[in-house]
């Protein structure tokens, strides 16, 4: 009988200890984020993610795991709309995030949630040609010449396909041409496109590995990554003018609030604006917002006259409706190919 109180006491102490340990174990479980991104940003986020994880661990003591999903920008946006559990989206055009905002997954004012219209990086569209530029491709009109094969991903599924289309169209308007002349140029260019890949990385593979085409039109950072791999059989050509291609980001509100991970998701996107995040972007040949970092990597960027989607097309929503919605300008142009 004398041992019973001691036994009860030991059980009580053990129960209290276990009860205290359970919340600690639960709180120690790492938070998992999913970054759903565009096709040619794979290598960028392979470097961004471990840098963020280490920085966040140092600042908070908490462990975060970041996973990646990549594909054509518009295809990725549709996957999120269809249920892919993205914590954040890091796209290459505002149109794809607007698509998610219209479906209630992202805040309507997402572009105001982070600096620079929520675009920490930007790029532009340039040409990758065979060594020595045998077809003498210098500007957008050269892509329309007979006998020139042009590799551009599908503007219906890929952001850089869309930017390439708009850059060619806008180059005519900015030089004083009219809409009919712009349409004729874009129609002639797409007649020279032998295959429409679904995403930008697939288009790069078609040109560099499958050896199809005389010129690849894609992001400046993508062509420089190809050259940085030591591929000496290509040259980069800058057209006389091109389009500003921003890479906007957003928190997927519906997902992070359901999972209780808004703090971590927001910290992840804020990290892209830090000096570390900007430096990683610059090392991947993206143009960055931090002026000091931009100066450090100035040798990576050739000056080029840029115009915006807003300048020529009235913004992404107007451009999407007129050019890329079903039955729009692109469908008419491609059907007449």
C-alpha atoms as a PDB file:
ATOM      1  CA  UNK A   1       0.000   0.000   0.000  1.00  0.00           C
ATOM      2  CA  UNK A   2       2.855   2.323   0.754  1.00  0.00           C
ATOM      3  CA  UNK A   3       4.155   1.940  -2.814  1.00  0.00           C
ATOM      4  CA  UNK A   4       0.833   2.874  -4.475  1.00  0.00           C
ATOM      5  CA  UNK A   5       1.128   6.654  -4.054  1.00  0.00           C
ATOM      6  CA  UNK A   6       4.686   6.511  -5.452  1.00  0.00           C
ATOM      7  CA  UNK A   7       3.494   4.434  -8.419  1.00  0.00           C
ATOM      8  CA  UNK A   8       0.664   6.850  -9.112  1.00  0.00           C
ATOM      9  CA  UNK A   9       3.053   9.758  -8.822  1.00  0.00           C
ATOM     10  CA  UNK A  10       5.468   8.191 -11.308  1.00  0.00           C
ATOM     11  CA  UNK A  11       2.635   7.578 -13.783  1.00  0.00           C
ATOM     12  CA  UNK A  12       1.433  11.164 -13.379  1.00  0.00           C
ATOM     13  CA  UNK A  13       4.915  12.560 -13.981  1.00  0.00           C
ATOM     14  CA  UNK A  14       5.327  10.325 -17.049  1.00  0.00           C
ATOM     15  CA  UNK A  15       1.939  11.379 -18.450  1.00  0.00           C
ATOM     16  CA  UNK A  16       2.776  15.032 -17.960  1.00  0.00           C
ATOM     17  CA  UNK A  17       6.148  14.555 -19.625  1.00  0.00           C
ATOM     18  CA  UNK A  18       4.600  12.799 -22.618  1.00  0.00           C
ATOM     19  CA  UNK A  19       1.887  15.434 -22.866  1.00  0.00           C
ATOM     20  CA  UNK A  20       4.502  18.167 -22.898  1.00  0.00           C
ATOM     21  CA  UNK A  21       6.610  16.345 -25.484  1.00  0.00           C
ATOM     22  CA  UNK A  22       3.850  15.877 -28.032  1.00  0.00           C
ATOM     23  CA  UNK A  23       3.353  19.556 -28.922  1.00  0.00           C
ATOM     24  CA  UNK A  24       7.128  20.013 -29.086  1.00  0.00           C
ATOM     25  CA  UNK A  25       7.442  17.142 -31.542  1.00  0.00           C
ATOM     26  CA  UNK A  26       4.590  18.501 -33.617  1.00  0.00           C
ATOM     27  CA  UNK A  27       6.057  21.985 -33.693  1.00  0.00           C
ATOM     28  CA  UNK A  28       9.421  20.573 -34.793  1.00  0.00           C
ATOM     29  CA  UNK A  29       7.933  19.025 -37.933  1.00  0.00           C
ATOM     30  CA  UNK A  30       9.291  20.876 -40.992  1.00  0.00           C
ATOM     31  CA  UNK A  31       6.953  23.019 -43.070  1.00  0.00           C
ATOM     32  CA  UNK A  32       6.769  21.962 -46.720  1.00  0.00           C
ATOM     33  CA  UNK A  33       6.325  24.528 -49.503  1.00  0.00           C
ATOM     34  CA  UNK A  34       5.621  23.803 -53.166  1.00  0.00           C
ATOM     35  CA  UNK A  35       6.842  26.366 -55.684  1.00  0.00           C
ATOM     36  CA  UNK A  36       4.984  25.915 -58.976  1.00  0.00           C
ATOM     37  CA  UNK A  37       7.032  27.656 -61.621  1.00  0.00           C
ATOM     38  CA  UNK A  38       7.719  28.014 -65.331  1.00  0.00           C
ATOM     39  CA  UNK A  39       9.815  25.720 -67.459  1.00  0.00           C
ATOM     40  CA  UNK A  40      13.188  27.433 -67.702  1.00  0.00           C
ATOM     41  CA  UNK A  41      13.432  28.430 -64.022  1.00  0.00           C
ATOM     42  CA  UNK A  42      14.437  24.948 -62.828  1.00  0.00           C
ATOM     43  CA  UNK A  43      18.108  25.737 -62.242  1.00  0.00           C
ATOM     44  CA  UNK A  44      17.335  29.114 -60.660  1.00  0.00           C
ATOM     45  CA  UNK A  45      15.174  27.613 -57.921  1.00  0.00           C
ATOM     46  CA  UNK A  46      17.514  24.669 -57.401  1.00  0.00           C
ATOM     47  CA  UNK A  47      19.928  27.327 -56.125  1.00  0.00           C
ATOM     48  CA  UNK A  48      17.356  29.620 -54.485  1.00  0.00           C
ATOM     49  CA  UNK A  49      15.734  26.906 -52.368  1.00  0.00           C
ATOM     50  CA  UNK A  50      18.687  25.696 -50.265  1.00  0.00           C
ATOM     51  CA  UNK A  51      19.826  29.305 -49.768  1.00  0.00           C
ATOM     52  CA  UNK A  52      16.383  30.245 -48.459  1.00  0.00           C
ATOM     53  CA  UNK A  53      16.147  27.165 -46.245  1.00  0.00           C
ATOM     54  CA  UNK A  54      19.504  27.980 -44.621  1.00  0.00           C
ATOM     55  CA  UNK A  55      18.636  31.664 -44.215  1.00  0.00           C
ATOM     56  CA  UNK A  56      15.229  30.923 -42.695  1.00  0.00           C
ATOM     57  CA  UNK A  57      16.694  28.318 -40.330  1.00  0.00           C
ATOM     58  CA  UNK A  58      19.295  30.823 -39.138  1.00  0.00           C
ATOM     59  CA  UNK A  59      16.709  33.568 -38.615  1.00  0.00           C
ATOM     60  CA  UNK A  60      13.936  31.520 -36.978  1.00  0.00           C
ATOM     61  CA  UNK A  61      15.344  28.147 -35.970  1.00  0.00           C
ATOM     62  CA  UNK A  62      12.596  26.527 -38.073  1.00  0.00           C
ATOM     63  CA  UNK A  63      13.089  23.982 -40.833  1.00  0.00           C
ATOM     64  CA  UNK A  64      11.378  24.462 -44.192  1.00  0.00           C
ATOM     65  CA  UNK A  65      11.414  22.069 -47.140  1.00  0.00           C
ATOM     66  CA  UNK A  66      10.839  23.587 -50.594  1.00  0.00           C
ATOM     67  CA  UNK A  67       9.751  21.427 -53.509  1.00  0.00           C
ATOM     68  CA  UNK A  68       9.610  22.482 -57.171  1.00  0.00           C
ATOM     69  CA  UNK A  69       7.242  21.882 -60.074  1.00  0.00           C
ATOM     70  CA  UNK A  70       8.058  23.154 -63.564  1.00  0.00           C
ATOM     71  CA  UNK A  71       6.376  23.280 -66.959  1.00  0.00           C
ATOM     72  CA  UNK A  72       4.974  25.739 -69.456  1.00  0.00           C
ATOM     73  CA  UNK A  73       3.832  28.784 -67.473  1.00  0.00           C
ATOM     74  CA  UNK A  74       0.193  28.718 -68.570  1.00  0.00           C
ATOM     75  CA  UNK A  75       0.061  24.937 -68.266  1.00  0.00           C
ATOM     76  CA  UNK A  76       1.324  25.264 -64.683  1.00  0.00           C
ATOM     77  CA  UNK A  77      -1.287  27.885 -63.862  1.00  0.00           C
ATOM     78  CA  UNK A  78      -4.024  25.564 -65.102  1.00  0.00           C
ATOM     79  CA  UNK A  79      -2.603  22.735 -62.984  1.00  0.00           C
ATOM     80  CA  UNK A  80      -2.851  24.938 -59.878  1.00  0.00           C
ATOM     81  CA  UNK A  81      -6.409  25.884 -60.801  1.00  0.00           C
ATOM     82  CA  UNK A  82      -7.197  22.174 -61.171  1.00  0.00           C
ATOM     83  CA  UNK A  83      -5.931  21.363 -57.676  1.00  0.00           C
ATOM     84  CA  UNK A  84      -2.115  21.229 -57.648  1.00  0.00           C
ATOM     85  CA  UNK A  85      -1.303  22.316 -54.069  1.00  0.00           C
ATOM     86  CA  UNK A  86       1.032  25.219 -54.820  1.00  0.00           C
ATOM     87  CA  UNK A  87       2.119  27.312 -51.845  1.00  0.00           C
ATOM     88  CA  UNK A  88       3.539  29.941 -54.182  1.00  0.00           C
ATOM     89  CA  UNK A  89       3.608  30.493 -57.920  1.00  0.00           C
ATOM     90  CA  UNK A  90       6.641  32.022 -59.641  1.00  0.00           C
ATOM     91  CA  UNK A  91       5.621  32.599 -63.245  1.00  0.00           C
ATOM     92  CA  UNK A  92       7.006  34.437 -66.258  1.00  0.00           C
ATOM     93  CA  UNK A  93       3.967  36.568 -67.012  1.00  0.00           C
ATOM     94  CA  UNK A  94       1.319  38.373 -64.998  1.00  0.00           C
ATOM     95  CA  UNK A  95      -1.430  36.848 -67.099  1.00  0.00           C
ATOM     96  CA  UNK A  96      -1.011  33.425 -65.513  1.00  0.00           C
ATOM     97  CA  UNK A  97      -1.303  34.817 -61.989  1.00  0.00           C
ATOM     98  CA  UNK A  98      -4.348  36.884 -62.996  1.00  0.00           C
ATOM     99  CA  UNK A  99      -5.848  33.606 -64.198  1.00  0.00           C
ATOM    100  CA  UNK A 100      -5.476  32.202 -60.668  1.00  0.00           C
ATOM    101  CA  UNK A 101      -6.757  35.420 -59.074  1.00  0.00           C
ATOM    102  CA  UNK A 102      -9.910  35.199 -61.200  1.00  0.00           C
ATOM    103  CA  UNK A 103     -10.496  31.758 -59.702  1.00  0.00           C
ATOM    104  CA  UNK A 104     -10.123  32.950 -56.125  1.00  0.00           C
ATOM    105  CA  UNK A 105      -6.823  31.172 -55.450  1.00  0.00           C
ATOM    106  CA  UNK A 106      -4.661  34.305 -55.394  1.00  0.00           C
ATOM    107  CA  UNK A 107      -5.463  37.800 -54.093  1.00  0.00           C
ATOM    108  CA  UNK A 108      -6.885  40.170 -56.699  1.00  0.00           C
ATOM    109  CA  UNK A 109      -4.246  42.737 -55.725  1.00  0.00           C
ATOM    110  CA  UNK A 110      -1.391  40.196 -55.793  1.00  0.00           C
ATOM    111  CA  UNK A 111       0.845  42.598 -57.765  1.00  0.00           C
ATOM    112  CA  UNK A 112       0.855  44.996 -54.791  1.00  0.00           C
ATOM    113  CA  UNK A 113       1.888  42.385 -52.230  1.00  0.00           C
ATOM    114  CA  UNK A 114       5.600  42.539 -53.137  1.00  0.00           C
ATOM    115  CA  UNK A 115       7.863  45.232 -54.658  1.00  0.00           C
ATOM    116  CA  UNK A 116       8.187  45.993 -58.383  1.00  0.00           C
ATOM    117  CA  UNK A 117       4.720  44.711 -59.278  1.00  0.00           C
ATOM    118  CA  UNK A 118       5.622  41.490 -57.447  1.00  0.00           C
ATOM    119  CA  UNK A 119       8.335  40.742 -60.028  1.00  0.00           C
ATOM    120  CA  UNK A 120      11.788  40.316 -58.436  1.00  0.00           C
ATOM    121  CA  UNK A 121      13.398  39.452 -61.788  1.00  0.00           C
ATOM    122  CA  UNK A 122      12.926  40.262 -65.452  1.00  0.00           C
ATOM    123  CA  UNK A 123      14.390  39.268 -68.789  1.00  0.00           C
ATOM    124  CA  UNK A 124      13.779  39.869 -72.501  1.00  0.00           C
ATOM    125  CA  UNK A 125      13.511  37.868 -75.712  1.00  0.00           C
ATOM    126  CA  UNK A 126      16.649  37.298 -77.801  1.00  0.00           C
ATOM    127  CA  UNK A 127      17.849  34.887 -80.491  1.00  0.00           C
ATOM    128  CA  UNK A 128      20.134  31.879 -80.197  1.00  0.00           C
ATOM    129  CA  UNK A 129      21.589  31.008 -83.615  1.00  0.00           C
ATOM    130  CA  UNK A 130      24.034  28.453 -85.005  1.00  0.00           C
ATOM    131  CA  UNK A 131      27.721  29.380 -84.743  1.00  0.00           C
ATOM    132  CA  UNK A 132      28.624  32.097 -87.230  1.00  0.00           C
ATOM    133  CA  UNK A 133      24.948  32.933 -87.794  1.00  0.00           C
ATOM    134  CA  UNK A 134      24.825  31.337 -91.267  1.00  0.00           C
ATOM    135  CA  UNK A 135      21.320  32.640 -92.005  1.00  0.00           C
ATOM    136  CA  UNK A 136      22.385  36.196 -91.037  1.00  0.00           C
ATOM    137  CA  UNK A 137      19.564  36.688 -88.561  1.00  0.00           C
ATOM    138  CA  UNK A 138      19.724  40.181 -87.039  1.00  0.00           C
ATOM    139  CA  UNK A 139      16.181  41.300 -86.228  1.00  0.00           C
ATOM    140  CA  UNK A 140      12.570  40.198 -86.020  1.00  0.00           C
ATOM    141  CA  UNK A 141      11.896  40.581 -89.748  1.00  0.00           C
ATOM    142  CA  UNK A 142      14.700  38.103 -90.498  1.00  0.00           C
ATOM    143  CA  UNK A 143      12.677  35.375 -88.783  1.00  0.00           C
ATOM    144  CA  UNK A 144      10.113  35.710 -91.570  1.00  0.00           C
ATOM    145  CA  UNK A 145      12.555  35.040 -94.433  1.00  0.00           C
ATOM    146  CA  UNK A 146      11.910  31.988 -96.604  1.00  0.00           C
ATOM    147  CA  UNK A 147      14.117  29.064 -95.647  1.00  0.00           C
ATOM    148  CA  UNK A 148      14.610  30.138 -92.021  1.00  0.00           C
ATOM    149  CA  UNK A 149      13.381  27.629 -89.427  1.00  0.00           C
ATOM    150  CA  UNK A 150      12.338  29.308 -86.167  1.00  0.00           C
ATOM    151  CA  UNK A 151      11.931  27.481 -82.851  1.00  0.00           C
ATOM    152  CA  UNK A 152       9.338  29.115 -80.572  1.00  0.00           C
ATOM    153  CA  UNK A 153       7.264  27.264 -77.937  1.00  0.00           C
ATOM    154  CA  UNK A 154       3.488  27.311 -78.172  1.00  0.00           C
ATOM    155  CA  UNK A 155       2.082  30.726 -77.117  1.00  0.00           C
ATOM    156  CA  UNK A 156      -1.043  28.947 -75.854  1.00  0.00           C
ATOM    157  CA  UNK A 157       0.917  27.054 -73.190  1.00  0.00           C
ATOM    158  CA  UNK A 158       4.290  28.771 -72.710  1.00  0.00           C
ATOM    159  CA  UNK A 159       5.031  32.248 -71.460  1.00  0.00           C
ATOM    160  CA  UNK A 160       8.127  32.682 -73.581  1.00  0.00           C
ATOM    161  CA  UNK A 161       6.151  31.665 -76.665  1.00  0.00           C
ATOM    162  CA  UNK A 162       3.685  34.402 -75.783  1.00  0.00           C
ATOM    163  CA  UNK A 163       6.420  36.964 -75.174  1.00  0.00           C
ATOM    164  CA  UNK A 164       8.093  36.037 -78.490  1.00  0.00           C
ATOM    165  CA  UNK A 165       4.828  36.554 -80.361  1.00  0.00           C
ATOM    166  CA  UNK A 166       4.186  39.904 -78.666  1.00  0.00           C
ATOM    167  CA  UNK A 167       7.793  41.046 -79.125  1.00  0.00           C
ATOM    168  CA  UNK A 168       7.611  40.463 -82.870  1.00  0.00           C
ATOM    169  CA  UNK A 169       4.214  42.157 -83.161  1.00  0.00           C
ATOM    170  CA  UNK A 170       5.247  45.070 -80.945  1.00  0.00           C
ATOM    171  CA  UNK A 171       8.501  45.647 -82.849  1.00  0.00           C
ATOM    172  CA  UNK A 172       6.442  46.616 -85.899  1.00  0.00           C
ATOM    173  CA  UNK A 173       4.173  48.966 -83.948  1.00  0.00           C
ATOM    174  CA  UNK A 174       7.059  50.641 -82.093  1.00  0.00           C
ATOM    175  CA  UNK A 175       8.780  51.347 -85.428  1.00  0.00           C
ATOM    176  CA  UNK A 176       5.692  53.093 -86.761  1.00  0.00           C
ATOM    177  CA  UNK A 177       4.029  50.188 -88.527  1.00  0.00           C
ATOM    178  CA  UNK A 178       0.333  49.365 -88.372  1.00  0.00           C
ATOM    179  CA  UNK A 179      -1.607  46.382 -87.057  1.00  0.00           C
ATOM    180  CA  UNK A 180      -1.924  44.747 -90.467  1.00  0.00           C
ATOM    181  CA  UNK A 181       1.851  44.878 -90.959  1.00  0.00           C
ATOM    182  CA  UNK A 182       2.404  43.442 -87.481  1.00  0.00           C
ATOM    183  CA  UNK A 183      -0.017  40.605 -88.199  1.00  0.00           C
ATOM    184  CA  UNK A 184       1.725  39.854 -91.511  1.00  0.00           C
ATOM    185  CA  UNK A 185       5.122  39.630 -89.822  1.00  0.00           C
ATOM    186  CA  UNK A 186       3.915  37.320 -87.063  1.00  0.00           C
ATOM    187  CA  UNK A 187       2.061  35.144 -89.586  1.00  0.00           C
ATOM    188  CA  UNK A 188       5.218  34.807 -91.694  1.00  0.00           C
ATOM    189  CA  UNK A 189       7.320  33.956 -88.630  1.00  0.00           C
ATOM    190  CA  UNK A 190       4.975  31.200 -87.486  1.00  0.00           C
ATOM    191  CA  UNK A 191       4.923  29.746 -90.997  1.00  0.00           C
ATOM    192  CA  UNK A 192       8.615  29.144 -90.372  1.00  0.00           C
ATOM    193  CA  UNK A 193       8.022  27.295 -87.065  1.00  0.00           C
ATOM    194  CA  UNK A 194       8.370  23.541 -87.744  1.00  0.00           C
ATOM    195  CA  UNK A 195       7.218  22.368 -84.291  1.00  0.00           C
ATOM    196  CA  UNK A 196       5.402  24.005 -81.370  1.00  0.00           C
ATOM    197  CA  UNK A 197       6.831  22.634 -78.133  1.00  0.00           C
ATOM    198  CA  UNK A 198       4.661  22.959 -75.020  1.00  0.00           C
ATOM    199  CA  UNK A 199       7.313  24.744 -72.935  1.00  0.00           C
ATOM    200  CA  UNK A 200      10.468  26.811 -73.201  1.00  0.00           C
ATOM    201  CA  UNK A 201      12.884  24.117 -72.023  1.00  0.00           C
ATOM    202  CA  UNK A 202      11.462  21.655 -74.548  1.00  0.00           C
ATOM    203  CA  UNK A 203      12.031  24.258 -77.273  1.00  0.00           C
ATOM    204  CA  UNK A 204      15.640  24.682 -76.140  1.00  0.00           C
ATOM    205  CA  UNK A 205      16.103  20.900 -76.333  1.00  0.00           C
ATOM    206  CA  UNK A 206      14.606  20.841 -79.833  1.00  0.00           C
ATOM    207  CA  UNK A 207      17.103  23.464 -81.006  1.00  0.00           C
ATOM    208  CA  UNK A 208      20.264  22.493 -79.116  1.00  0.00           C
ATOM    209  CA  UNK A 209      20.003  18.708 -78.856  1.00  0.00           C
ATOM    210  CA  UNK A 210      17.684  17.649 -81.660  1.00  0.00           C
ATOM    211  CA  UNK A 211      19.424  20.158 -83.947  1.00  0.00           C
ATOM    212  CA  UNK A 212      16.165  21.410 -85.451  1.00  0.00           C
ATOM    213  CA  UNK A 213      15.919  25.020 -86.607  1.00  0.00           C
ATOM    214  CA  UNK A 214      18.163  27.942 -87.492  1.00  0.00           C
ATOM    215  CA  UNK A 215      17.184  30.167 -84.569  1.00  0.00           C
ATOM    216  CA  UNK A 216      15.668  29.733 -81.114  1.00  0.00           C
ATOM    217  CA  UNK A 217      13.678  32.657 -79.703  1.00  0.00           C
ATOM    218  CA  UNK A 218      13.677  32.547 -75.917  1.00  0.00           C
ATOM    219  CA  UNK A 219      14.560  34.410 -72.742  1.00  0.00           C
ATOM    220  CA  UNK A 220      17.938  36.130 -72.478  1.00  0.00           C
ATOM    221  CA  UNK A 221      18.733  34.135 -69.340  1.00  0.00           C
ATOM    222  CA  UNK A 222      17.987  30.845 -71.102  1.00  0.00           C
ATOM    223  CA  UNK A 223      20.326  31.489 -74.041  1.00  0.00           C
ATOM    224  CA  UNK A 224      23.091  32.602 -71.687  1.00  0.00           C
ATOM    225  CA  UNK A 225      22.676  29.458 -69.598  1.00  0.00           C
ATOM    226  CA  UNK A 226      23.148  27.409 -72.788  1.00  0.00           C
ATOM    227  CA  UNK A 227      26.356  29.280 -73.547  1.00  0.00           C
ATOM    228  CA  UNK A 228      27.540  29.031 -69.934  1.00  0.00           C
ATOM    229  CA  UNK A 229      27.382  25.248 -70.270  1.00  0.00           C
ATOM    230  CA  UNK A 230      30.305  25.560 -72.666  1.00  0.00           C
ATOM    231  CA  UNK A 231      28.296  25.094 -75.821  1.00  0.00           C
ATOM    232  CA  UNK A 232      30.483  26.968 -78.303  1.00  0.00           C
ATOM    233  CA  UNK A 233      28.390  26.015 -81.315  1.00  0.00           C
ATOM    234  CA  UNK A 234      25.903  28.883 -80.799  1.00  0.00           C
ATOM    235  CA  UNK A 235      25.873  32.677 -80.921  1.00  0.00           C
ATOM    236  CA  UNK A 236      23.477  35.095 -79.217  1.00  0.00           C
ATOM    237  CA  UNK A 237      21.850  37.827 -81.320  1.00  0.00           C
ATOM    238  CA  UNK A 238      20.039  40.808 -79.797  1.00  0.00           C
ATOM    239  CA  UNK A 239      17.262  42.309 -81.942  1.00  0.00           C
ATOM    240  CA  UNK A 240      17.051  46.093 -82.314  1.00  0.00           C
ATOM    241  CA  UNK A 241      14.278  46.130 -79.718  1.00  0.00           C
ATOM    242  CA  UNK A 242      12.466  43.585 -77.606  1.00  0.00           C
ATOM    243  CA  UNK A 243       9.893  43.189 -74.881  1.00  0.00           C
ATOM    244  CA  UNK A 244      10.246  43.513 -71.107  1.00  0.00           C
ATOM    245  CA  UNK A 245       9.557  40.039 -69.734  1.00  0.00           C
ATOM    246  CA  UNK A 246       8.847  40.165 -65.998  1.00  0.00           C
ATOM    247  CA  UNK A 247       8.806  37.129 -63.703  1.00  0.00           C
ATOM    248  CA  UNK A 248       5.973  37.805 -61.214  1.00  0.00           C
ATOM    249  CA  UNK A 249       5.349  35.865 -58.012  1.00  0.00           C
ATOM    250  CA  UNK A 250       2.420  35.335 -55.666  1.00  0.00           C
ATOM    251  CA  UNK A 251       1.318  33.445 -52.580  1.00  0.00           C
ATOM    252  CA  UNK A 252      -1.508  30.996 -53.276  1.00  0.00           C
ATOM    253  CA  UNK A 253      -3.785  32.230 -50.492  1.00  0.00           C
ATOM    254  CA  UNK A 254      -6.276  29.402 -50.528  1.00  0.00           C
ATOM    255  CA  UNK A 255      -3.559  26.784 -50.029  1.00  0.00           C
ATOM    256  CA  UNK A 256      -1.378  28.545 -47.458  1.00  0.00           C
ATOM    257  CA  UNK A 257      -4.332  29.519 -45.288  1.00  0.00           C
ATOM    258  CA  UNK A 258      -5.691  25.973 -45.351  1.00  0.00           C
ATOM    259  CA  UNK A 259      -2.283  24.604 -44.361  1.00  0.00           C
ATOM    260  CA  UNK A 260      -1.333  27.420 -41.980  1.00  0.00           C
ATOM    261  CA  UNK A 261       1.910  28.207 -43.822  1.00  0.00           C
ATOM    262  CA  UNK A 262       1.375  31.811 -44.931  1.00  0.00           C
ATOM    263  CA  UNK A 263       4.335  33.073 -42.861  1.00  0.00           C
ATOM    264  CA  UNK A 264       6.776  30.681 -44.499  1.00  0.00           C
ATOM    265  CA  UNK A 265       5.422  31.171 -48.028  1.00  0.00           C
ATOM    266  CA  UNK A 266       5.627  34.952 -47.691  1.00  0.00           C
ATOM    267  CA  UNK A 267       9.174  34.728 -46.316  1.00  0.00           C
ATOM    268  CA  UNK A 268      10.154  32.582 -49.301  1.00  0.00           C
ATOM    269  CA  UNK A 269       9.014  35.184 -51.820  1.00  0.00           C
ATOM    270  CA  UNK A 270      10.524  38.038 -49.804  1.00  0.00           C
ATOM    271  CA  UNK A 271      13.844  36.163 -49.931  1.00  0.00           C
ATOM    272  CA  UNK A 272      13.910  36.643 -53.708  1.00  0.00           C
ATOM    273  CA  UNK A 273      14.349  40.400 -53.104  1.00  0.00           C
ATOM    274  CA  UNK A 274      17.217  40.048 -50.638  1.00  0.00           C
ATOM    275  CA  UNK A 275      20.775  40.649 -51.794  1.00  0.00           C
ATOM    276  CA  UNK A 276      21.374  36.893 -51.697  1.00  0.00           C
ATOM    277  CA  UNK A 277      18.248  36.143 -53.721  1.00  0.00           C
ATOM    278  CA  UNK A 278      19.046  38.874 -56.232  1.00  0.00           C
ATOM    279  CA  UNK A 279      22.643  37.694 -56.598  1.00  0.00           C
ATOM    280  CA  UNK A 280      21.482  34.148 -57.327  1.00  0.00           C
ATOM    281  CA  UNK A 281      19.095  35.527 -59.948  1.00  0.00           C
ATOM    282  CA  UNK A 282      21.890  37.527 -61.567  1.00  0.00           C
ATOM    283  CA  UNK A 283      24.158  34.467 -61.632  1.00  0.00           C
ATOM    284  CA  UNK A 284      21.401  32.830 -63.662  1.00  0.00           C
ATOM    285  CA  UNK A 285      21.499  35.768 -66.093  1.00  0.00           C
ATOM    286  CA  UNK A 286      18.203  37.288 -64.965  1.00  0.00           C
ATOM    287  CA  UNK A 287      18.011  41.074 -64.763  1.00  0.00           C
ATOM    288  CA  UNK A 288      17.420  42.021 -61.143  1.00  0.00           C
ATOM    289  CA  UNK A 289      15.931  44.929 -59.195  1.00  0.00           C
ATOM    290  CA  UNK A 290      18.857  45.523 -56.836  1.00  0.00           C
ATOM    291  CA  UNK A 291      20.992  48.198 -58.544  1.00  0.00           C
ATOM    292  CA  UNK A 292      24.207  47.204 -56.781  1.00  0.00           C
ATOM    293  CA  UNK A 293      23.812  43.567 -57.803  1.00  0.00           C
ATOM    294  CA  UNK A 294      22.908  44.623 -61.344  1.00  0.00           C
ATOM    295  CA  UNK A 295      26.140  46.642 -61.555  1.00  0.00           C
ATOM    296  CA  UNK A 296      28.191  43.696 -60.347  1.00  0.00           C
ATOM    297  CA  UNK A 297      26.859  41.579 -63.219  1.00  0.00           C
ATOM    298  CA  UNK A 298      26.619  44.332 -65.846  1.00  0.00           C
ATOM    299  CA  UNK A 299      28.840  42.349 -68.241  1.00  0.00           C
ATOM    300  CA  UNK A 300      26.061  39.760 -68.556  1.00  0.00           C
ATOM    301  CA  UNK A 301      23.561  42.181 -70.060  1.00  0.00           C
ATOM    302  CA  UNK A 302      23.676  43.927 -73.400  1.00  0.00           C
ATOM    303  CA  UNK A 303      21.710  47.199 -73.554  1.00  0.00           C
ATOM    304  CA  UNK A 304      18.544  46.762 -75.595  1.00  0.00           C
ATOM    305  CA  UNK A 305      15.538  48.993 -76.181  1.00  0.00           C
ATOM    306  CA  UNK A 306      12.612  47.452 -74.302  1.00  0.00           C
ATOM    307  CA  UNK A 307       8.881  48.065 -74.558  1.00  0.00           C
ATOM    308  CA  UNK A 308       6.206  46.653 -72.263  1.00  0.00           C
ATOM    309  CA  UNK A 309       2.990  44.733 -72.778  1.00  0.00           C
ATOM    310  CA  UNK A 310       1.199  47.784 -71.371  1.00  0.00           C
ATOM    311  CA  UNK A 311       2.899  50.095 -73.913  1.00  0.00           C
ATOM    312  CA  UNK A 312       1.713  48.275 -77.009  1.00  0.00           C
ATOM    313  CA  UNK A 313      -1.128  45.976 -76.001  1.00  0.00           C
ATOM    314  CA  UNK A 314      -2.866  47.742 -73.115  1.00  0.00           C
ATOM    315  CA  UNK A 315      -1.824  45.172 -70.526  1.00  0.00           C
ATOM    316  CA  UNK A 316      -1.864  41.412 -70.204  1.00  0.00           C
ATOM    317  CA  UNK A 317      -5.617  40.964 -69.932  1.00  0.00           C
ATOM    318  CA  UNK A 318      -6.193  42.837 -73.181  1.00  0.00           C
ATOM    319  CA  UNK A 319      -3.351  40.971 -74.897  1.00  0.00           C
ATOM    320  CA  UNK A 320      -4.677  37.622 -73.725  1.00  0.00           C
ATOM    321  CA  UNK A 321      -8.209  38.289 -74.885  1.00  0.00           C
ATOM    322  CA  UNK A 322      -7.246  39.566 -78.312  1.00  0.00           C
ATOM    323  CA  UNK A 323      -4.291  37.346 -79.158  1.00  0.00           C
ATOM    324  CA  UNK A 324      -4.325  34.108 -77.165  1.00  0.00           C
ATOM    325  CA  UNK A 325      -7.881  33.249 -76.150  1.00  0.00           C
ATOM    326  CA  UNK A 326      -9.537  30.567 -78.270  1.00  0.00           C
ATOM    327  CA  UNK A 327     -10.400  32.071 -81.637  1.00  0.00           C
ATOM    328  CA  UNK A 328      -7.984  34.977 -81.122  1.00  0.00           C
ATOM    329  CA  UNK A 329      -5.283  36.346 -83.393  1.00  0.00           C
ATOM    330  CA  UNK A 330      -2.842  33.509 -82.760  1.00  0.00           C
ATOM    331  CA  UNK A 331      -5.379  30.805 -83.588  1.00  0.00           C
ATOM    332  CA  UNK A 332      -6.282  32.593 -86.833  1.00  0.00           C
ATOM    333  CA  UNK A 333      -2.637  33.042 -87.755  1.00  0.00           C
ATOM    334  CA  UNK A 334      -1.658  29.469 -86.987  1.00  0.00           C
ATOM    335  CA  UNK A 335      -4.666  27.933 -88.704  1.00  0.00           C
ATOM    336  CA  UNK A 336      -3.706  29.792 -91.887  1.00  0.00           C
ATOM    337  CA  UNK A 337      -0.141  28.457 -91.721  1.00  0.00           C
END
